[in-house]
Amino acid sequence: MSIGSTLSSMKRDSNEPVSGYDVRLEAHLNALHRYWPKCVNDDEQASLLKWFLNGDLLGLEREELFELLSEHSEFQDVLSEMAANDPVGGQYPPEYRYGEHVEVIVNAKNLTHHVGTVRKAIWHSKDRRWNFYLEVGGKNIGKRYLAVDLRRT
């Protein structure tokens, strides 16, 4: 079963209306399926999968994209090789890298506005998401932030 058919069956099985997110996800999946057969070696396949996982530029959740890929055998060999060569142990890559300039989005959970750099990204295996720690003005901030709590500056 292909990823596209998985998504289509999910839509048929629910009575919920199709959202813009679903449309973007389906278009992204269709593009992956269109270009996958054209890849002539593992490096091209790995590059295509990395492009696919960068769907956050379209507002798609990286974790969901990664889980969709890992459910399908056609991508397993390349994903396994990527994981072996990947310092994040096969998890989807963190949204923010060490030293990247970010700011905290102030909301009910984050009351203090900070502008600084990412000093550490840690994978939280229970929550299955990245936690980010910041450095602001040479001082380490002890609070951990999720990707949705931050934005690039």
C-alpha atoms as a PDB file:
ATOM      1  CA  MET A   1       0.000   0.000   0.000  1.00  0.00           C
ATOM      2  CA  SER A   2       1.437   3.376  -0.972  1.00  0.00           C
ATOM      3  CA  ILE A   3       1.497   6.444   1.230  1.00  0.00           C
ATOM      4  CA  GLY A   4      -0.965   8.221  -1.051  1.00  0.00           C
ATOM      5  CA  SER A   5      -3.462   5.382  -0.762  1.00  0.00           C
ATOM      6  CA  THR A   6      -2.986   5.348   3.026  1.00  0.00           C
ATOM      7  CA  LEU A   7      -3.901   9.030   3.171  1.00  0.00           C
ATOM      8  CA  SER A   8      -6.857   8.571   0.822  1.00  0.00           C
ATOM      9  CA  SER A   9      -8.187   5.643   2.883  1.00  0.00           C
ATOM     10  CA  MET A  10      -7.845   7.737   6.056  1.00  0.00           C
ATOM     11  CA  LYS A  11     -10.016  10.415   4.444  1.00  0.00           C
ATOM     12  CA  ARG A  12     -12.612   7.907   3.233  1.00  0.00           C
ATOM     13  CA  ASP A  13     -12.811   6.246   6.657  1.00  0.00           C
ATOM     14  CA  SER A  14     -13.624   9.484   8.438  1.00  0.00           C
ATOM     15  CA  ASN A  15     -16.564  11.765   7.933  1.00  0.00           C
ATOM     16  CA  GLU A  16     -14.480  14.839   8.663  1.00  0.00           C
ATOM     17  CA  PRO A  17     -14.052  17.489   5.961  1.00  0.00           C
ATOM     18  CA  VAL A  18     -10.727  17.631   4.147  1.00  0.00           C
ATOM     19  CA  SER A  19      -8.539  20.422   5.525  1.00  0.00           C
ATOM     20  CA  GLY A  20      -5.851  22.544   3.895  1.00  0.00           C
ATOM     21  CA  TYR A  21      -3.322  20.526   5.889  1.00  0.00           C
ATOM     22  CA  ASP A  22      -4.592  17.304   4.260  1.00  0.00           C
ATOM     23  CA  VAL A  23      -4.371  18.861   0.802  1.00  0.00           C
ATOM     24  CA  ARG A  24      -0.771  20.020   1.380  1.00  0.00           C
ATOM     25  CA  LEU A  25       0.162  16.621   2.813  1.00  0.00           C
ATOM     26  CA  GLU A  26      -1.349  14.764  -0.134  1.00  0.00           C
ATOM     27  CA  ALA A  27       0.419  17.039  -2.654  1.00  0.00           C
ATOM     28  CA  HIS A  28       3.722  16.504  -0.820  1.00  0.00           C
ATOM     29  CA  LEU A  29       3.181  12.722  -0.834  1.00  0.00           C
ATOM     30  CA  ASN A  30       2.296  12.744  -4.527  1.00  0.00           C
ATOM     31  CA  ALA A  31       5.503  14.627  -5.308  1.00  0.00           C
ATOM     32  CA  LEU A  32       7.514  12.016  -3.375  1.00  0.00           C
ATOM     33  CA  HIS A  33       5.884   9.199  -5.339  1.00  0.00           C
ATOM     34  CA  ARG A  34       6.411  11.028  -8.620  1.00  0.00           C
ATOM     35  CA  TYR A  35      10.172  11.481  -8.072  1.00  0.00           C
ATOM     36  CA  TRP A  36      11.007   8.266  -6.154  1.00  0.00           C
ATOM     37  CA  PRO A  37      11.195   6.026  -9.284  1.00  0.00           C
ATOM     38  CA  LYS A  38      13.511   8.562 -10.961  1.00  0.00           C
ATOM     39  CA  CYS A  39      16.182   8.195  -8.247  1.00  0.00           C
ATOM     40  CA  VAL A  40      19.087   6.175  -9.645  1.00  0.00           C
ATOM     41  CA  ASN A  41      21.038   5.527  -6.427  1.00  0.00           C
ATOM     42  CA  ASP A  42      20.810   5.584  -2.624  1.00  0.00           C
ATOM     43  CA  ASP A  43      22.228   9.107  -2.384  1.00  0.00           C
ATOM     44  CA  GLU A  44      19.461  10.504  -4.575  1.00  0.00           C
ATOM     45  CA  GLN A  45      16.857   8.568  -2.586  1.00  0.00           C
ATOM     46  CA  ALA A  46      18.275   9.883   0.700  1.00  0.00           C
ATOM     47  CA  SER A  47      18.228  13.442  -0.673  1.00  0.00           C
ATOM     48  CA  LEU A  48      14.622  13.026  -1.749  1.00  0.00           C
ATOM     49  CA  LEU A  49      13.610  11.709   1.688  1.00  0.00           C
ATOM     50  CA  LYS A  50      15.406  14.620   3.383  1.00  0.00           C
ATOM     51  CA  TRP A  51      13.495  17.005   1.118  1.00  0.00           C
ATOM     52  CA  PHE A  52      10.259  15.218   2.025  1.00  0.00           C
ATOM     53  CA  LEU A  53      10.984  15.510   5.762  1.00  0.00           C
ATOM     54  CA  ASN A  54      11.454  19.259   5.315  1.00  0.00           C
ATOM     55  CA  GLY A  55       7.713  19.544   4.713  1.00  0.00           C
ATOM     56  CA  ASP A  56       7.576  21.855   7.713  1.00  0.00           C
ATOM     57  CA  LEU A  57       8.146  24.620   5.157  1.00  0.00           C
ATOM     58  CA  LEU A  58       4.624  23.789   3.968  1.00  0.00           C
ATOM     59  CA  GLY A  59       3.300  23.745   7.524  1.00  0.00           C
ATOM     60  CA  LEU A  60       3.444  19.932   7.740  1.00  0.00           C
ATOM     61  CA  GLU A  61       4.474  18.208  10.962  1.00  0.00           C
ATOM     62  CA  ARG A  62       7.910  16.546  10.659  1.00  0.00           C
ATOM     63  CA  GLU A  63       7.006  13.812  13.100  1.00  0.00           C
ATOM     64  CA  GLU A  64       3.941  12.846  11.057  1.00  0.00           C
ATOM     65  CA  LEU A  65       5.973  12.831   7.837  1.00  0.00           C
ATOM     66  CA  PHE A  66       8.639  10.652   9.449  1.00  0.00           C
ATOM     67  CA  GLU A  67       6.024   8.205  10.761  1.00  0.00           C
ATOM     68  CA  LEU A  68       4.369   7.996   7.330  1.00  0.00           C
ATOM     69  CA  LEU A  69       7.713   7.111   5.751  1.00  0.00           C
ATOM     70  CA  SER A  70       8.618   4.546   8.393  1.00  0.00           C
ATOM     71  CA  GLU A  71       5.308   2.691   7.883  1.00  0.00           C
ATOM     72  CA  HIS A  72       6.146   1.826   4.254  1.00  0.00           C
ATOM     73  CA  SER A  73       8.650  -0.847   3.271  1.00  0.00           C
ATOM     74  CA  GLU A  74       9.690   0.886   0.039  1.00  0.00           C
ATOM     75  CA  PHE A  75      11.549   3.505   2.091  1.00  0.00           C
ATOM     76  CA  GLN A  76      12.920   1.253   4.870  1.00  0.00           C
ATOM     77  CA  ASP A  77      16.362   0.526   3.391  1.00  0.00           C
ATOM     78  CA  VAL A  78      17.136   4.166   2.728  1.00  0.00           C
ATOM     79  CA  LEU A  79      15.724   5.265   6.098  1.00  0.00           C
ATOM     80  CA  SER A  80      17.841   2.631   7.868  1.00  0.00           C
ATOM     81  CA  GLU A  81      20.985   3.787   6.086  1.00  0.00           C
ATOM     82  CA  MET A  82      20.138   7.424   6.834  1.00  0.00           C
ATOM     83  CA  ALA A  83      19.659   6.496  10.506  1.00  0.00           C
ATOM     84  CA  ALA A  84      23.042   4.742  10.620  1.00  0.00           C
ATOM     85  CA  ASN A  85      24.742   7.878   9.290  1.00  0.00           C
ATOM     86  CA  ASP A  86      22.574  10.259  11.276  1.00  0.00           C
ATOM     87  CA  PRO A  87      23.757  11.782  14.570  1.00  0.00           C
ATOM     88  CA  VAL A  88      20.145  12.055  15.802  1.00  0.00           C
ATOM     89  CA  GLY A  89      19.734   8.283  15.759  1.00  0.00           C
ATOM     90  CA  GLY A  90      17.107   7.998  13.046  1.00  0.00           C
ATOM     91  CA  GLN A  91      14.665  10.452  14.569  1.00  0.00           C
ATOM     92  CA  TYR A  92      13.449  13.259  12.416  1.00  0.00           C
ATOM     93  CA  PRO A  93      15.975  16.097  12.557  1.00  0.00           C
ATOM     94  CA  PRO A  94      15.512  18.905  15.062  1.00  0.00           C
ATOM     95  CA  GLU A  95      13.792  22.007  13.738  1.00  0.00           C
ATOM     96  CA  TYR A  96      16.509  24.248  15.190  1.00  0.00           C
ATOM     97  CA  ARG A  97      20.252  23.602  15.230  1.00  0.00           C
ATOM     98  CA  TYR A  98      22.925  24.417  17.790  1.00  0.00           C
ATOM     99  CA  GLY A  99      23.803  28.110  17.630  1.00  0.00           C
ATOM    100  CA  GLU A 100      20.739  29.099  15.622  1.00  0.00           C
ATOM    101  CA  HIS A 101      19.198  32.444  16.614  1.00  0.00           C
ATOM    102  CA  VAL A 102      15.622  32.118  17.892  1.00  0.00           C
ATOM    103  CA  GLU A 103      13.081  33.939  19.990  1.00  0.00           C
ATOM    104  CA  VAL A 104      10.468  32.619  22.381  1.00  0.00           C
ATOM    105  CA  ILE A 105       6.851  33.095  21.325  1.00  0.00           C
ATOM    106  CA  VAL A 106       5.064  34.592  24.319  1.00  0.00           C
ATOM    107  CA  ASN A 107       1.815  32.836  25.214  1.00  0.00           C
ATOM    108  CA  ALA A 108       0.063  31.386  28.258  1.00  0.00           C
ATOM    109  CA  LYS A 109       2.807  28.766  28.666  1.00  0.00           C
ATOM    110  CA  ASN A 110       5.784  31.062  27.944  1.00  0.00           C
ATOM    111  CA  LEU A 111       5.425  34.335  29.796  1.00  0.00           C
ATOM    112  CA  THR A 112       8.956  35.666  29.278  1.00  0.00           C
ATOM    113  CA  HIS A 113      10.177  36.827  25.891  1.00  0.00           C
ATOM    114  CA  HIS A 114      13.748  35.683  25.202  1.00  0.00           C
ATOM    115  CA  VAL A 115      15.945  36.216  22.156  1.00  0.00           C
ATOM    116  CA  GLY A 116      19.018  34.029  22.039  1.00  0.00           C
ATOM    117  CA  THR A 117      20.663  30.978  20.523  1.00  0.00           C
ATOM    118  CA  VAL A 118      19.928  27.275  20.776  1.00  0.00           C
ATOM    119  CA  ARG A 119      22.500  25.760  23.119  1.00  0.00           C
ATOM    120  CA  LYS A 120      21.144  22.220  23.160  1.00  0.00           C
ATOM    121  CA  ALA A 121      18.536  20.048  21.417  1.00  0.00           C
ATOM    122  CA  ILE A 122      17.508  16.863  23.219  1.00  0.00           C
ATOM    123  CA  TRP A 123      15.193  14.160  21.888  1.00  0.00           C
ATOM    124  CA  HIS A 124      12.490  13.325  24.447  1.00  0.00           C
ATOM    125  CA  SER A 125      11.761   9.674  23.730  1.00  0.00           C
ATOM    126  CA  LYS A 126       8.538   9.494  25.756  1.00  0.00           C
ATOM    127  CA  ASP A 127       6.989  12.608  24.161  1.00  0.00           C
ATOM    128  CA  ARG A 128       8.646  11.785  20.804  1.00  0.00           C
ATOM    129  CA  ARG A 129       9.698  15.364  20.149  1.00  0.00           C
ATOM    130  CA  TRP A 130      12.691  17.639  20.461  1.00  0.00           C
ATOM    131  CA  ASN A 131      13.247  19.905  23.456  1.00  0.00           C
ATOM    132  CA  PHE A 132      15.389  23.000  23.012  1.00  0.00           C
ATOM    133  CA  TYR A 133      17.454  24.894  25.569  1.00  0.00           C
ATOM    134  CA  LEU A 134      18.550  28.480  24.992  1.00  0.00           C
ATOM    135  CA  GLU A 135      21.414  30.770  25.826  1.00  0.00           C
ATOM    136  CA  VAL A 136      20.494  34.440  26.189  1.00  0.00           C
ATOM    137  CA  GLY A 137      23.150  37.095  26.714  1.00  0.00           C
ATOM    138  CA  GLY A 138      25.740  34.501  27.741  1.00  0.00           C
ATOM    139  CA  LYS A 139      23.424  32.933  30.341  1.00  0.00           C
ATOM    140  CA  ASN A 140      21.807  29.524  30.061  1.00  0.00           C
ATOM    141  CA  ILE A 141      18.013  29.481  30.332  1.00  0.00           C
ATOM    142  CA  GLY A 142      16.914  26.405  32.292  1.00  0.00           C
ATOM    143  CA  LYS A 143      13.437  26.123  30.771  1.00  0.00           C
ATOM    144  CA  ARG A 144      12.984  23.694  27.911  1.00  0.00           C
ATOM    145  CA  TYR A 145      11.068  24.773  24.838  1.00  0.00           C
ATOM    146  CA  LEU A 146       9.336  22.858  22.073  1.00  0.00           C
ATOM    147  CA  ALA A 147       9.713  23.837  18.427  1.00  0.00           C
ATOM    148  CA  VAL A 148       6.255  25.448  18.447  1.00  0.00           C
ATOM    149  CA  ASP A 149       7.431  27.733  21.272  1.00  0.00           C
ATOM    150  CA  LEU A 150      10.240  29.208  19.141  1.00  0.00           C
ATOM    151  CA  ARG A 151      10.748  31.074  15.882  1.00  0.00           C
ATOM    152  CA  ARG A 152      13.859  31.997  13.928  1.00  0.00           C
ATOM    153  CA  THR A 153      15.111  35.564  14.161  1.00  0.00           C
END
